Amino acid sequence: MLCKDDAEHPVPEPLREVFRRIANAFEAGDFQLQSHPVSEVKPIDPETAHRMRDYVSAYGGTLARLDETTWERSAYRWMEGYWDVLVDLTTTSEPVSDLTLHAKLREKDDGFEVALQGIWVP
């Protein structure tokens, strides 16, 4: 499903659904995915969740469900052992904001696992 080369690639459809569920949880204020679990996502420690919430707050926007145009800029890249994934988030005032969700994706025997690294403006 995912390329292991030096190029940047668009996020494939099966992964988009995972990131849509993550964004929906964030929209609801659940940055630890406690009330909105996503089975493919590793548990998020409270410190990382707090940092992501603070960064969104400092940005000044309110997160919303991902707009389909976000996939025009979101991408993944192989990094020797994992894929680095960047997904541009949607706010109520911006279909594609400057806020980017950063994740590491690793293969598992039964699929893949997403480890959320943070949210920031690259």
PDB file of N, CA and C in Angstrom:
ATOM      1  N   MET A   1       0.823  -1.199   0.000  1.00  0.00           N
ATOM      2  CA  MET A   1       0.000   0.000   0.000  1.00  0.00           C
ATOM      3  C   MET A   1       0.867   1.263   0.000  1.00  0.00           C
ATOM      4  N   LEU A   2       1.950   1.280   0.798  1.00  0.00           N
ATOM      5  CA  LEU A   2       2.791   2.469   0.899  1.00  0.00           C
ATOM      6  C   LEU A   2       4.156   2.216   0.269  1.00  0.00           C
ATOM      7  N   CYS A   3       4.686   3.224  -0.394  1.00  0.00           N
ATOM      8  CA  CYS A   3       5.982   3.131  -1.070  1.00  0.00           C
ATOM      9  C   CYS A   3       7.121   3.297  -0.072  1.00  0.00           C
ATOM     10  N   LYS A   4       8.187   2.562  -0.315  1.00  0.00           N
ATOM     11  CA  LYS A   4       9.404   2.684   0.492  1.00  0.00           C
ATOM     12  C   LYS A   4      10.510   3.226  -0.406  1.00  0.00           C
ATOM     13  N   ASP A   5      10.399   4.486  -0.751  1.00  0.00           N
ATOM     14  CA  ASP A   5      11.396   5.138  -1.598  1.00  0.00           C
ATOM     15  C   ASP A   5      11.674   6.529  -1.045  1.00  0.00           C
ATOM     16  N   ASP A   6      12.421   7.316  -1.784  1.00  0.00           N
ATOM     17  CA  ASP A   6      12.797   8.651  -1.316  1.00  0.00           C
ATOM     18  C   ASP A   6      11.811   9.737  -1.699  1.00  0.00           C
ATOM     19  N   ALA A   7      10.734   9.370  -2.383  1.00  0.00           N
ATOM     20  CA  ALA A   7       9.772  10.367  -2.869  1.00  0.00           C
ATOM     21  C   ALA A   7       8.676  10.635  -1.842  1.00  0.00           C
ATOM     22  N   GLU A   8       8.040  11.789  -1.986  1.00  0.00           N
ATOM     23  CA  GLU A   8       6.872  12.146  -1.181  1.00  0.00           C
ATOM     24  C   GLU A   8       5.633  11.696  -1.959  1.00  0.00           C
ATOM     25  N   HIS A   9       4.669  11.094  -1.244  1.00  0.00           N
ATOM     26  CA  HIS A   9       3.484  10.541  -1.895  1.00  0.00           C
ATOM     27  C   HIS A   9       2.207  11.044  -1.220  1.00  0.00           C
ATOM     28  N   PRO A  10       1.103  11.110  -1.965  1.00  0.00           N
ATOM     29  CA  PRO A  10      -0.181  11.462  -1.348  1.00  0.00           C
ATOM     30  C   PRO A  10      -0.625  10.354  -0.386  1.00  0.00           C
ATOM     31  N   VAL A  11      -1.332  10.745   0.643  1.00  0.00           N
ATOM     32  CA  VAL A  11      -1.847   9.783   1.621  1.00  0.00           C
ATOM     33  C   VAL A  11      -2.923   8.937   0.934  1.00  0.00           C
ATOM     34  N   PRO A  12      -2.775   7.590   0.940  1.00  0.00           N
ATOM     35  CA  PRO A  12      -3.762   6.744   0.258  1.00  0.00           C
ATOM     36  C   PRO A  12      -5.095   6.699   1.009  1.00  0.00           C
ATOM     37  N   GLU A  13      -6.140   6.393   0.277  1.00  0.00           N
ATOM     38  CA  GLU A  13      -7.494   6.411   0.824  1.00  0.00           C
ATOM     39  C   GLU A  13      -7.665   5.606   2.116  1.00  0.00           C
ATOM     40  N   PRO A  14      -7.165   4.366   2.221  1.00  0.00           N
ATOM     41  CA  PRO A  14      -7.371   3.634   3.492  1.00  0.00           C
ATOM     42  C   PRO A  14      -6.818   4.374   4.710  1.00  0.00           C
ATOM     43  N   LEU A  15      -5.709   5.094   4.543  1.00  0.00           N
ATOM     44  CA  LEU A  15      -5.153   5.863   5.660  1.00  0.00           C
ATOM     45  C   LEU A  15      -5.923   7.142   5.914  1.00  0.00           C
ATOM     46  N   ARG A  16      -6.510   7.692   4.888  1.00  0.00           N
ATOM     47  CA  ARG A  16      -7.275   8.935   5.056  1.00  0.00           C
ATOM     48  C   ARG A  16      -8.389   8.759   6.077  1.00  0.00           C
ATOM     49  N   GLU A  17      -9.037   7.610   6.053  1.00  0.00           N
ATOM     50  CA  GLU A  17     -10.136   7.369   6.999  1.00  0.00           C
ATOM     51  C   GLU A  17      -9.630   7.391   8.438  1.00  0.00           C
ATOM     52  N   VAL A  18      -8.454   6.840   8.682  1.00  0.00           N
ATOM     53  CA  VAL A  18      -7.867   6.875  10.030  1.00  0.00           C
ATOM     54  C   VAL A  18      -7.650   8.322  10.458  1.00  0.00           C
ATOM     55  N   PHE A  19      -7.088   9.127   9.573  1.00  0.00           N
ATOM     56  CA  PHE A  19      -6.819  10.529   9.925  1.00  0.00           C
ATOM     57  C   PHE A  19      -8.106  11.348  10.024  1.00  0.00           C
ATOM     58  N   ARG A  20      -9.122  10.982   9.292  1.00  0.00           N
ATOM     59  CA  ARG A  20     -10.434  11.648   9.461  1.00  0.00           C
ATOM     60  C   ARG A  20     -10.971  11.387  10.866  1.00  0.00           C
ATOM     61  N   ARG A  21     -10.856  10.146  11.337  1.00  0.00           N
ATOM     62  CA  ARG A  21     -11.347   9.814  12.687  1.00  0.00           C
ATOM     63  C   ARG A  21     -10.536  10.539  13.757  1.00  0.00           C
ATOM     64  N   ILE A  22      -9.240  10.655  13.545  1.00  0.00           N
ATOM     65  CA  ILE A  22      -8.397  11.405  14.492  1.00  0.00           C
ATOM     66  C   ILE A  22      -8.841  12.867  14.526  1.00  0.00           C
ATOM     67  N   ALA A  23      -9.005  13.475  13.350  1.00  0.00           N
ATOM     68  CA  ALA A  23      -9.418  14.883  13.279  1.00  0.00           C
ATOM     69  C   ALA A  23     -10.789  15.089  13.906  1.00  0.00           C
ATOM     70  N   ASN A  24     -11.702  14.135  13.729  1.00  0.00           N
ATOM     71  CA  ASN A  24     -13.025  14.246  14.342  1.00  0.00           C
ATOM     72  C   ASN A  24     -12.916  14.245  15.865  1.00  0.00           C
ATOM     73  N   ALA A  25     -12.031  13.411  16.400  1.00  0.00           N
ATOM     74  CA  ALA A  25     -11.827  13.378  17.855  1.00  0.00           C
ATOM     75  C   ALA A  25     -11.237  14.705  18.330  1.00  0.00           C
ATOM     76  N   PHE A  26     -10.260  15.229  17.590  1.00  0.00           N
ATOM     77  CA  PHE A  26      -9.657  16.511  17.955  1.00  0.00           C
ATOM     78  C   PHE A  26     -10.687  17.634  17.885  1.00  0.00           C
ATOM     79  N   GLU A  27     -11.554  17.585  16.887  1.00  0.00           N
ATOM     80  CA  GLU A  27     -12.615  18.588  16.769  1.00  0.00           C
ATOM     81  C   GLU A  27     -13.473  18.597  18.036  1.00  0.00           C
ATOM     82  N   ALA A  28     -13.696  17.411  18.602  1.00  0.00           N
ATOM     83  CA  ALA A  28     -14.499  17.276  19.824  1.00  0.00           C
ATOM     84  C   ALA A  28     -13.687  17.591  21.088  1.00  0.00           C
ATOM     85  N   GLY A  29     -12.406  17.948  20.915  1.00  0.00           N
ATOM     86  CA  GLY A  29     -11.574  18.281  22.067  1.00  0.00           C
ATOM     87  C   GLY A  29     -10.897  17.083  22.709  1.00  0.00           C
ATOM     88  N   ASP A  30     -10.988  15.918  22.087  1.00  0.00           N
ATOM     89  CA  ASP A  30     -10.429  14.677  22.629  1.00  0.00           C
ATOM     90  C   ASP A  30      -9.054  14.420  22.005  1.00  0.00           C
ATOM     91  N   PHE A  31      -8.026  15.090  22.528  1.00  0.00           N
ATOM     92  CA  PHE A  31      -6.678  14.977  21.971  1.00  0.00           C
ATOM     93  C   PHE A  31      -5.954  13.724  22.439  1.00  0.00           C
ATOM     94  N   GLN A  32      -6.536  12.991  23.372  1.00  0.00           N
ATOM     95  CA  GLN A  32      -5.942  11.730  23.818  1.00  0.00           C
ATOM     96  C   GLN A  32      -6.701  10.534  23.247  1.00  0.00           C
ATOM     97  N   LEU A  33      -7.745  10.799  22.480  1.00  0.00           N
ATOM     98  CA  LEU A  33      -8.586   9.762  21.858  1.00  0.00           C
ATOM     99  C   LEU A  33      -9.187   8.813  22.887  1.00  0.00           C
ATOM    100  N   GLN A  34      -9.506   9.338  24.047  1.00  0.00           N
ATOM    101  CA  GLN A  34     -10.093   8.500  25.091  1.00  0.00           C
ATOM    102  C   GLN A  34     -11.569   8.208  24.832  1.00  0.00           C
ATOM    103  N   SER A  35     -12.315   9.212  24.398  1.00  0.00           N
ATOM    104  CA  SER A  35     -13.745   9.023  24.119  1.00  0.00           C
ATOM    105  C   SER A  35     -13.999   8.685  22.658  1.00  0.00           C
ATOM    106  N   HIS A  36     -12.991   8.836  21.831  1.00  0.00           N
ATOM    107  CA  HIS A  36     -13.097   8.585  20.388  1.00  0.00           C
ATOM    108  C   HIS A  36     -11.923   7.704  19.962  1.00  0.00           C
ATOM    109  N   PRO A  37     -11.860   6.457  20.453  1.00  0.00           N
ATOM    110  CA  PRO A  37     -10.694   5.632  20.148  1.00  0.00           C
ATOM    111  C   PRO A  37     -10.568   5.333  18.659  1.00  0.00           C
ATOM    112  N   VAL A  38      -9.320   5.263  18.213  1.00  0.00           N
ATOM    113  CA  VAL A  38      -8.992   4.882  16.844  1.00  0.00           C
ATOM    114  C   VAL A  38      -8.015   3.717  16.990  1.00  0.00           C
ATOM    115  N   SER A  39      -8.464   2.524  16.635  1.00  0.00           N
ATOM    116  CA  SER A  39      -7.706   1.305  16.936  1.00  0.00           C
ATOM    117  C   SER A  39      -6.295   1.300  16.356  1.00  0.00           C
ATOM    118  N   GLU A  40      -6.066   1.975  15.263  1.00  0.00           N
ATOM    119  CA  GLU A  40      -4.745   1.988  14.633  1.00  0.00           C
ATOM    120  C   GLU A  40      -3.762   2.942  15.301  1.00  0.00           C
ATOM    121  N   VAL A  41      -4.227   3.756  16.235  1.00  0.00           N
ATOM    122  CA  VAL A  41      -3.381   4.786  16.860  1.00  0.00           C
ATOM    123  C   VAL A  41      -2.866   4.307  18.215  1.00  0.00           C
ATOM    124  N   LYS A  42      -1.541   4.436  18.388  1.00  0.00           N
ATOM    125  CA  LYS A  42      -0.928   4.126  19.683  1.00  0.00           C
ATOM    126  C   LYS A  42      -1.502   5.073  20.737  1.00  0.00           C
ATOM    127  N   PRO A  43      -1.569   4.635  21.986  1.00  0.00           N
ATOM    128  CA  PRO A  43      -2.040   5.535  23.044  1.00  0.00           C
ATOM    129  C   PRO A  43      -1.233   6.835  23.062  1.00  0.00           C
ATOM    130  N   ILE A  44      -1.931   7.924  23.291  1.00  0.00           N
ATOM    131  CA  ILE A  44      -1.313   9.250  23.308  1.00  0.00           C
ATOM    132  C   ILE A  44      -1.121   9.666  24.760  1.00  0.00           C
ATOM    133  N   ASP A  45       0.120   9.961  25.122  1.00  0.00           N
ATOM    134  CA  ASP A  45       0.375  10.328  26.509  1.00  0.00           C
ATOM    135  C   ASP A  45      -0.209  11.713  26.793  1.00  0.00           C
ATOM    136  N   PRO A  46      -0.553  11.967  28.046  1.00  0.00           N
ATOM    137  CA  PRO A  46      -1.179  13.251  28.403  1.00  0.00           C
ATOM    138  C   PRO A  46      -0.348  14.468  28.005  1.00  0.00           C
ATOM    139  N   GLU A  47       0.977  14.377  28.095  1.00  0.00           N
ATOM    140  CA  GLU A  47       1.833  15.518  27.752  1.00  0.00           C
ATOM    141  C   GLU A  47       1.719  15.860  26.266  1.00  0.00           C
ATOM    142  N   THR A  48       1.743  14.852  25.410  1.00  0.00           N
ATOM    143  CA  THR A  48       1.612  15.089  23.967  1.00  0.00           C
ATOM    144  C   THR A  48       0.235  15.658  23.650  1.00  0.00           C
ATOM    145  N   ALA A  49      -0.804  15.111  24.260  1.00  0.00           N
ATOM    146  CA  ALA A  49      -2.164  15.610  24.039  1.00  0.00           C
ATOM    147  C   ALA A  49      -2.273  17.074  24.474  1.00  0.00           C
ATOM    148  N   HIS A  50      -1.691  17.401  25.619  1.00  0.00           N
ATOM    149  CA  HIS A  50      -1.722  18.776  26.131  1.00  0.00           C
ATOM    150  C   HIS A  50      -0.987  19.722  25.182  1.00  0.00           C
ATOM    151  N   ARG A  51       0.178  19.296  24.690  1.00  0.00           N
ATOM    152  CA  ARG A  51       0.960  20.112  23.752  1.00  0.00           C
ATOM    153  C   ARG A  51       0.170  20.376  22.470  1.00  0.00           C
ATOM    154  N   MET A  52      -0.499  19.334  21.950  1.00  0.00           N
ATOM    155  CA  MET A  52      -1.285  19.509  20.722  1.00  0.00           C
ATOM    156  C   MET A  52      -2.437  20.479  20.960  1.00  0.00           C
ATOM    157  N   ARG A  53      -3.136  20.322  22.075  1.00  0.00           N
ATOM    158  CA  ARG A  53      -4.249  21.223  22.409  1.00  0.00           C
ATOM    159  C   ARG A  53      -3.760  22.664  22.524  1.00  0.00           C
ATOM    160  N   ASP A  54      -2.617  22.859  23.200  1.00  0.00           N
ATOM    161  CA  ASP A  54      -2.058  24.201  23.372  1.00  0.00           C
ATOM    162  C   ASP A  54      -1.652  24.815  22.036  1.00  0.00           C
ATOM    163  N   TYR A  55      -1.087  24.020  21.149  1.00  0.00           N
ATOM    164  CA  TYR A  55      -0.650  24.553  19.867  1.00  0.00           C
ATOM    165  C   TYR A  55      -1.846  24.995  19.028  1.00  0.00           C
ATOM    166  N   VAL A  56      -2.907  24.183  19.040  1.00  0.00           N
ATOM    167  CA  VAL A  56      -4.124  24.559  18.317  1.00  0.00           C
ATOM    168  C   VAL A  56      -4.701  25.837  18.906  1.00  0.00           C
ATOM    169  N   SER A  57      -4.719  25.929  20.226  1.00  0.00           N
ATOM    170  CA  SER A  57      -5.239  27.121  20.895  1.00  0.00           C
ATOM    171  C   SER A  57      -4.411  28.355  20.531  1.00  0.00           C
ATOM    172  N   ALA A  58      -3.091  28.217  20.528  1.00  0.00           N
ATOM    173  CA  ALA A  58      -2.220  29.337  20.188  1.00  0.00           C
ATOM    174  C   ALA A  58      -2.387  29.757  18.729  1.00  0.00           C
ATOM    175  N   TYR A  59      -2.716  28.818  17.872  1.00  0.00           N
ATOM    176  CA  TYR A  59      -2.929  29.126  16.458  1.00  0.00           C
ATOM    177  C   TYR A  59      -4.143  30.032  16.289  1.00  0.00           C
ATOM    178  N   GLY A  60      -5.125  29.841  17.163  1.00  0.00           N
ATOM    179  CA  GLY A  60      -6.286  30.720  17.144  1.00  0.00           C
ATOM    180  C   GLY A  60      -7.482  30.202  16.366  1.00  0.00           C
ATOM    181  N   GLY A  61      -7.374  29.046  15.779  1.00  0.00           N
ATOM    182  CA  GLY A  61      -8.505  28.484  15.034  1.00  0.00           C
ATOM    183  C   GLY A  61      -9.222  27.412  15.832  1.00  0.00           C
ATOM    184  N   THR A  62     -10.388  27.052  15.348  1.00  0.00           N
ATOM    185  CA  THR A  62     -11.149  25.952  15.936  1.00  0.00           C
ATOM    186  C   THR A  62     -11.123  24.806  14.933  1.00  0.00           C
ATOM    187  N   LEU A  63     -10.656  23.644  15.366  1.00  0.00           N
ATOM    188  CA  LEU A  63     -10.562  22.510  14.451  1.00  0.00           C
ATOM    189  C   LEU A  63     -11.941  22.065  13.982  1.00  0.00           C
ATOM    190  N   ALA A  64     -11.977  21.533  12.768  1.00  0.00           N
ATOM    191  CA  ALA A  64     -13.211  21.033  12.160  1.00  0.00           C
ATOM    192  C   ALA A  64     -12.895  19.712  11.458  1.00  0.00           C
ATOM    193  N   ARG A  65     -13.945  19.051  10.971  1.00  0.00           N
ATOM    194  CA  ARG A  65     -13.744  17.825  10.195  1.00  0.00           C
ATOM    195  C   ARG A  65     -12.879  18.138   8.989  1.00  0.00           C
ATOM    196  N   LEU A  66     -12.049  17.184   8.594  1.00  0.00           N
ATOM    197  CA  LEU A  66     -11.140  17.410   7.476  1.00  0.00           C
ATOM    198  C   LEU A  66     -11.897  17.675   6.186  1.00  0.00           C
ATOM    199  N   ASP A  67     -11.520  18.743   5.535  1.00  0.00           N
ATOM    200  CA  ASP A  67     -12.055  19.063   4.225  1.00  0.00           C
ATOM    201  C   ASP A  67     -11.324  18.180   3.198  1.00  0.00           C
ATOM    202  N   GLU A  68     -12.000  17.778   2.157  1.00  0.00           N
ATOM    203  CA  GLU A  68     -11.391  16.906   1.147  1.00  0.00           C
ATOM    204  C   GLU A  68     -10.174  17.555   0.478  1.00  0.00           C
ATOM    205  N   THR A  69     -10.121  18.882   0.454  1.00  0.00           N
ATOM    206  CA  THR A  69      -8.973  19.538  -0.172  1.00  0.00           C
ATOM    207  C   THR A  69      -7.681  19.354   0.626  1.00  0.00           C
ATOM    208  N   THR A  70      -7.798  18.910   1.861  1.00  0.00           N
ATOM    209  CA  THR A  70      -6.583  18.690   2.660  1.00  0.00           C
ATOM    210  C   THR A  70      -5.689  17.637   2.028  1.00  0.00           C
ATOM    211  N   TRP A  71      -6.282  16.703   1.296  1.00  0.00           N
ATOM    212  CA  TRP A  71      -5.487  15.611   0.705  1.00  0.00           C
ATOM    213  C   TRP A  71      -4.642  16.081  -0.468  1.00  0.00           C
ATOM    214  N   GLU A  72      -4.894  17.285  -0.951  1.00  0.00           N
ATOM    215  CA  GLU A  72      -4.067  17.833  -2.031  1.00  0.00           C
ATOM    216  C   GLU A  72      -2.676  18.210  -1.530  1.00  0.00           C
ATOM    217  N   ARG A  73      -2.552  18.477  -0.235  1.00  0.00           N
ATOM    218  CA  ARG A  73      -1.262  18.882   0.353  1.00  0.00           C
ATOM    219  C   ARG A  73      -0.692  17.874   1.326  1.00  0.00           C
ATOM    220  N   SER A  74      -1.496  16.991   1.872  1.00  0.00           N
ATOM    221  CA  SER A  74      -1.026  16.018   2.854  1.00  0.00           C
ATOM    222  C   SER A  74      -0.212  14.929   2.157  1.00  0.00           C
ATOM    223  N   ALA A  75       0.798  14.416   2.868  1.00  0.00           N
ATOM    224  CA  ALA A  75       1.711  13.485   2.207  1.00  0.00           C
ATOM    225  C   ALA A  75       2.386  12.556   3.211  1.00  0.00           C
ATOM    226  N   TYR A  76       3.008  11.510   2.664  1.00  0.00           N
ATOM    227  CA  TYR A  76       3.844  10.627   3.475  1.00  0.00           C
ATOM    228  C   TYR A  76       5.156  10.375   2.742  1.00  0.00           C
ATOM    229  N   ARG A  77       6.159   9.944   3.534  1.00  0.00           N
ATOM    230  CA  ARG A  77       7.482   9.659   2.976  1.00  0.00           C
ATOM    231  C   ARG A  77       8.151   8.584   3.822  1.00  0.00           C
ATOM    232  N   TRP A  78       8.818   7.658   3.178  1.00  0.00           N
ATOM    233  CA  TRP A  78       9.556   6.593   3.861  1.00  0.00           C
ATOM    234  C   TRP A  78      10.797   7.174   4.530  1.00  0.00           C
ATOM    235  N   MET A  79      11.042   6.770   5.786  1.00  0.00           N
ATOM    236  CA  MET A  79      12.157   7.320   6.552  1.00  0.00           C
ATOM    237  C   MET A  79      13.049   6.220   7.152  1.00  0.00           C
ATOM    238  N   GLU A  80      13.232   5.111   6.425  1.00  0.00           N
ATOM    239  CA  GLU A  80      14.068   4.001   6.910  1.00  0.00           C
ATOM    240  C   GLU A  80      13.574   3.455   8.257  1.00  0.00           C
ATOM    241  N   GLY A  81      12.525   2.706   8.223  1.00  0.00           N
ATOM    242  CA  GLY A  81      11.979   2.080   9.423  1.00  0.00           C
ATOM    243  C   GLY A  81      10.557   2.498   9.733  1.00  0.00           C
ATOM    244  N   TYR A  82      10.124   3.612   9.165  1.00  0.00           N
ATOM    245  CA  TYR A  82       8.758   4.084   9.363  1.00  0.00           C
ATOM    246  C   TYR A  82       8.428   5.084   8.259  1.00  0.00           C
ATOM    247  N   TRP A  83       7.142   5.388   8.153  1.00  0.00           N
ATOM    248  CA  TRP A  83       6.708   6.437   7.228  1.00  0.00           C
ATOM    249  C   TRP A  83       6.379   7.683   8.042  1.00  0.00           C
ATOM    250  N   ASP A  84       6.834   8.811   7.584  1.00  0.00           N
ATOM    251  CA  ASP A  84       6.515  10.101   8.177  1.00  0.00           C
ATOM    252  C   ASP A  84       5.280  10.620   7.438  1.00  0.00           C
ATOM    253  N   VAL A  85       4.219  10.946   8.178  1.00  0.00           N
ATOM    254  CA  VAL A  85       2.964  11.390   7.576  1.00  0.00           C
ATOM    255  C   VAL A  85       2.643  12.789   8.078  1.00  0.00           C
ATOM    256  N   LEU A  86       2.312  13.688   7.144  1.00  0.00           N
ATOM    257  CA  LEU A  86       1.901  15.047   7.477  1.00  0.00           C
ATOM    258  C   LEU A  86       0.514  15.282   6.892  1.00  0.00           C
ATOM    259  N   VAL A  87      -0.431  15.619   7.764  1.00  0.00           N
ATOM    260  CA  VAL A  87      -1.812  15.872   7.340  1.00  0.00           C
ATOM    261  C   VAL A  87      -2.186  17.288   7.752  1.00  0.00           C
ATOM    262  N   ASP A  88      -2.512  18.106   6.760  1.00  0.00           N
ATOM    263  CA  ASP A  88      -2.951  19.469   7.040  1.00  0.00           C
ATOM    264  C   ASP A  88      -4.357  19.431   7.622  1.00  0.00           C
ATOM    265  N   LEU A  89      -4.538  20.118   8.742  1.00  0.00           N
ATOM    266  CA  LEU A  89      -5.828  20.107   9.442  1.00  0.00           C
ATOM    267  C   LEU A  89      -6.751  21.201   8.910  1.00  0.00           C
ATOM    268  N   THR A  90      -8.022  21.012   9.152  1.00  0.00           N
ATOM    269  CA  THR A  90      -9.061  21.954   8.751  1.00  0.00           C
ATOM    270  C   THR A  90      -9.548  22.703   9.991  1.00  0.00           C
ATOM    271  N   THR A  91      -9.784  23.998   9.839  1.00  0.00           N
ATOM    272  CA  THR A  91     -10.411  24.773  10.908  1.00  0.00           C
ATOM    273  C   THR A  91     -11.751  25.283  10.391  1.00  0.00           C
ATOM    274  N   THR A  92     -12.525  25.856  11.284  1.00  0.00           N
ATOM    275  CA  THR A  92     -13.834  26.365  10.875  1.00  0.00           C
ATOM    276  C   THR A  92     -13.710  27.505   9.877  1.00  0.00           C
ATOM    277  N   SER A  93     -12.548  28.169   9.833  1.00  0.00           N
ATOM    278  CA  SER A  93     -12.377  29.276   8.892  1.00  0.00           C
ATOM    279  C   SER A  93     -11.440  28.955   7.726  1.00  0.00           C
ATOM    280  N   GLU A  94     -10.769  27.805   7.760  1.00  0.00           N
ATOM    281  CA  GLU A  94      -9.821  27.438   6.708  1.00  0.00           C
ATOM    282  C   GLU A  94      -9.997  25.972   6.316  1.00  0.00           C
ATOM    283  N   PRO A  95     -10.395  25.699   5.070  1.00  0.00           N
ATOM    284  CA  PRO A  95     -10.521  24.298   4.638  1.00  0.00           C
ATOM    285  C   PRO A  95      -9.208  23.533   4.764  1.00  0.00           C
ATOM    286  N   VAL A  96      -8.097  24.226   4.500  1.00  0.00           N
ATOM    287  CA  VAL A  96      -6.765  23.647   4.690  1.00  0.00           C
ATOM    288  C   VAL A  96      -5.946  24.695   5.445  1.00  0.00           C
ATOM    289  N   SER A  97      -5.758  24.456   6.719  1.00  0.00           N
ATOM    290  CA  SER A  97      -5.039  25.438   7.544  1.00  0.00           C
ATOM    291  C   SER A  97      -3.536  25.200   7.458  1.00  0.00           C
ATOM    292  N   ASP A  98      -2.788  26.052   8.129  1.00  0.00           N
ATOM    293  CA  ASP A  98      -1.345  25.861   8.243  1.00  0.00           C
ATOM    294  C   ASP A  98      -0.996  24.859   9.345  1.00  0.00           C
ATOM    295  N   LEU A  99      -1.970  24.488  10.162  1.00  0.00           N
ATOM    296  CA  LEU A  99      -1.741  23.487  11.202  1.00  0.00           C
ATOM    297  C   LEU A  99      -1.565  22.118  10.554  1.00  0.00           C
ATOM    298  N   THR A 100      -0.514  21.422  10.944  1.00  0.00           N
ATOM    299  CA  THR A 100      -0.233  20.111  10.376  1.00  0.00           C
ATOM    300  C   THR A 100      -0.101  19.080  11.487  1.00  0.00           C
ATOM    301  N   LEU A 101      -0.772  17.952  11.305  1.00  0.00           N
ATOM    302  CA  LEU A 101      -0.655  16.812  12.215  1.00  0.00           C
ATOM    303  C   LEU A 101       0.502  15.961  11.718  1.00  0.00           C
ATOM    304  N   HIS A 102       1.446  15.685  12.597  1.00  0.00           N
ATOM    305  CA  HIS A 102       2.620  14.880  12.259  1.00  0.00           C
ATOM    306  C   HIS A 102       2.476  13.518  12.928  1.00  0.00           C
ATOM    307  N   ALA A 103       2.668  12.463  12.135  1.00  0.00           N
ATOM    308  CA  ALA A 103       2.558  11.106  12.663  1.00  0.00           C
ATOM    309  C   ALA A 103       3.641  10.219  12.071  1.00  0.00           C
ATOM    310  N   LYS A 104       3.986   9.177  12.822  1.00  0.00           N
ATOM    311  CA  LYS A 104       4.873   8.129  12.319  1.00  0.00           C
ATOM    312  C   LYS A 104       4.021   6.879  12.157  1.00  0.00           C
ATOM    313  N   LEU A 105       4.183   6.227  11.033  1.00  0.00           N
ATOM    314  CA  LEU A 105       3.412   5.028  10.724  1.00  0.00           C
ATOM    315  C   LEU A 105       4.373   3.862  10.593  1.00  0.00           C
ATOM    316  N   ARG A 106       4.075   2.767  11.314  1.00  0.00           N
ATOM    317  CA  ARG A 106       4.917   1.564  11.252  1.00  0.00           C
ATOM    318  C   ARG A 106       4.061   0.355  10.897  1.00  0.00           C
ATOM    319  N   GLU A 107       4.679  -0.561  10.170  1.00  0.00           N
ATOM    320  CA  GLU A 107       3.994  -1.812   9.824  1.00  0.00           C
ATOM    321  C   GLU A 107       3.908  -2.706  11.045  1.00  0.00           C
ATOM    322  N   LYS A 108       2.815  -3.451  11.107  1.00  0.00           N
ATOM    323  CA  LYS A 108       2.611  -4.481  12.126  1.00  0.00           C
ATOM    324  C   LYS A 108       2.170  -5.738  11.393  1.00  0.00           C
ATOM    325  N   ASP A 109       2.190  -6.866  12.083  1.00  0.00           N
ATOM    326  CA  ASP A 109       1.766  -8.126  11.462  1.00  0.00           C
ATOM    327  C   ASP A 109       0.349  -8.047  10.920  1.00  0.00           C
ATOM    328  N   ASP A 110      -0.513  -7.329  11.629  1.00  0.00           N
ATOM    329  CA  ASP A 110      -1.929  -7.276  11.247  1.00  0.00           C
ATOM    330  C   ASP A 110      -2.327  -5.935  10.626  1.00  0.00           C
ATOM    331  N   GLY A 111      -1.364  -5.187  10.094  1.00  0.00           N
ATOM    332  CA  GLY A 111      -1.698  -3.907   9.474  1.00  0.00           C
ATOM    333  C   GLY A 111      -0.633  -2.869   9.740  1.00  0.00           C
ATOM    334  N   PHE A 112      -1.028  -1.792  10.427  1.00  0.00           N
ATOM    335  CA  PHE A 112      -0.096  -0.709  10.714  1.00  0.00           C
ATOM    336  C   PHE A 112      -0.488  -0.041  12.018  1.00  0.00           C
ATOM    337  N   GLU A 113       0.441   0.766  12.535  1.00  0.00           N
ATOM    338  CA  GLU A 113       0.229   1.495  13.779  1.00  0.00           C
ATOM    339  C   GLU A 113       0.663   2.937  13.579  1.00  0.00           C
ATOM    340  N   VAL A 114      -0.177   3.865  14.030  1.00  0.00           N
ATOM    341  CA  VAL A 114       0.087   5.294  13.906  1.00  0.00           C
ATOM    342  C   VAL A 114       0.495   5.835  15.277  1.00  0.00           C
ATOM    343  N   ALA A 115       1.625   6.512  15.312  1.00  0.00           N
ATOM    344  CA  ALA A 115       2.072   7.183  16.535  1.00  0.00           C
ATOM    345  C   ALA A 115       2.018   8.692  16.262  1.00  0.00           C
ATOM    346  N   LEU A 116       1.119   9.382  16.930  1.00  0.00           N
ATOM    347  CA  LEU A 116       0.985  10.830  16.734  1.00  0.00           C
ATOM    348  C   LEU A 116       2.127  11.541  17.431  1.00  0.00           C
ATOM    349  N   GLN A 117       2.784  12.448  16.694  1.00  0.00           N
ATOM    350  CA  GLN A 117       3.955  13.156  17.205  1.00  0.00           C
ATOM    351  C   GLN A 117       3.617  14.569  17.663  1.00  0.00           C
ATOM    352  N   GLY A 118       2.618  15.189  17.045  1.00  0.00           N
ATOM    353  CA  GLY A 118       2.261  16.540  17.446  1.00  0.00           C
ATOM    354  C   GLY A 118       1.537  17.273  16.344  1.00  0.00           C
ATOM    355  N   ILE A 119       1.176  18.504  16.649  1.00  0.00           N
ATOM    356  CA  ILE A 119       0.539  19.413  15.716  1.00  0.00           C
ATOM    357  C   ILE A 119       1.343  20.696  15.753  1.00  0.00           C
ATOM    358  N   TRP A 120       1.683  21.219  14.576  1.00  0.00           N
ATOM    359  CA  TRP A 120       2.381  22.497  14.500  1.00  0.00           C
ATOM    360  C   TRP A 120       2.266  23.081  13.111  1.00  0.00           C
ATOM    361  N   VAL A 121       2.778  24.284  12.956  1.00  0.00           N
ATOM    362  CA  VAL A 121       2.856  24.927  11.649  1.00  0.00           C
ATOM    363  C   VAL A 121       4.284  24.710  11.159  1.00  0.00           C
ATOM    364  N   PRO A 122       4.447  23.951  10.082  1.00  0.00           N
ATOM    365  CA  PRO A 122       5.814  23.670   9.596  1.00  0.00           C
ATOM    366  C   PRO A 122       6.481  24.896   8.994  1.00  0.00           C
TER     367      PRO A 122
END
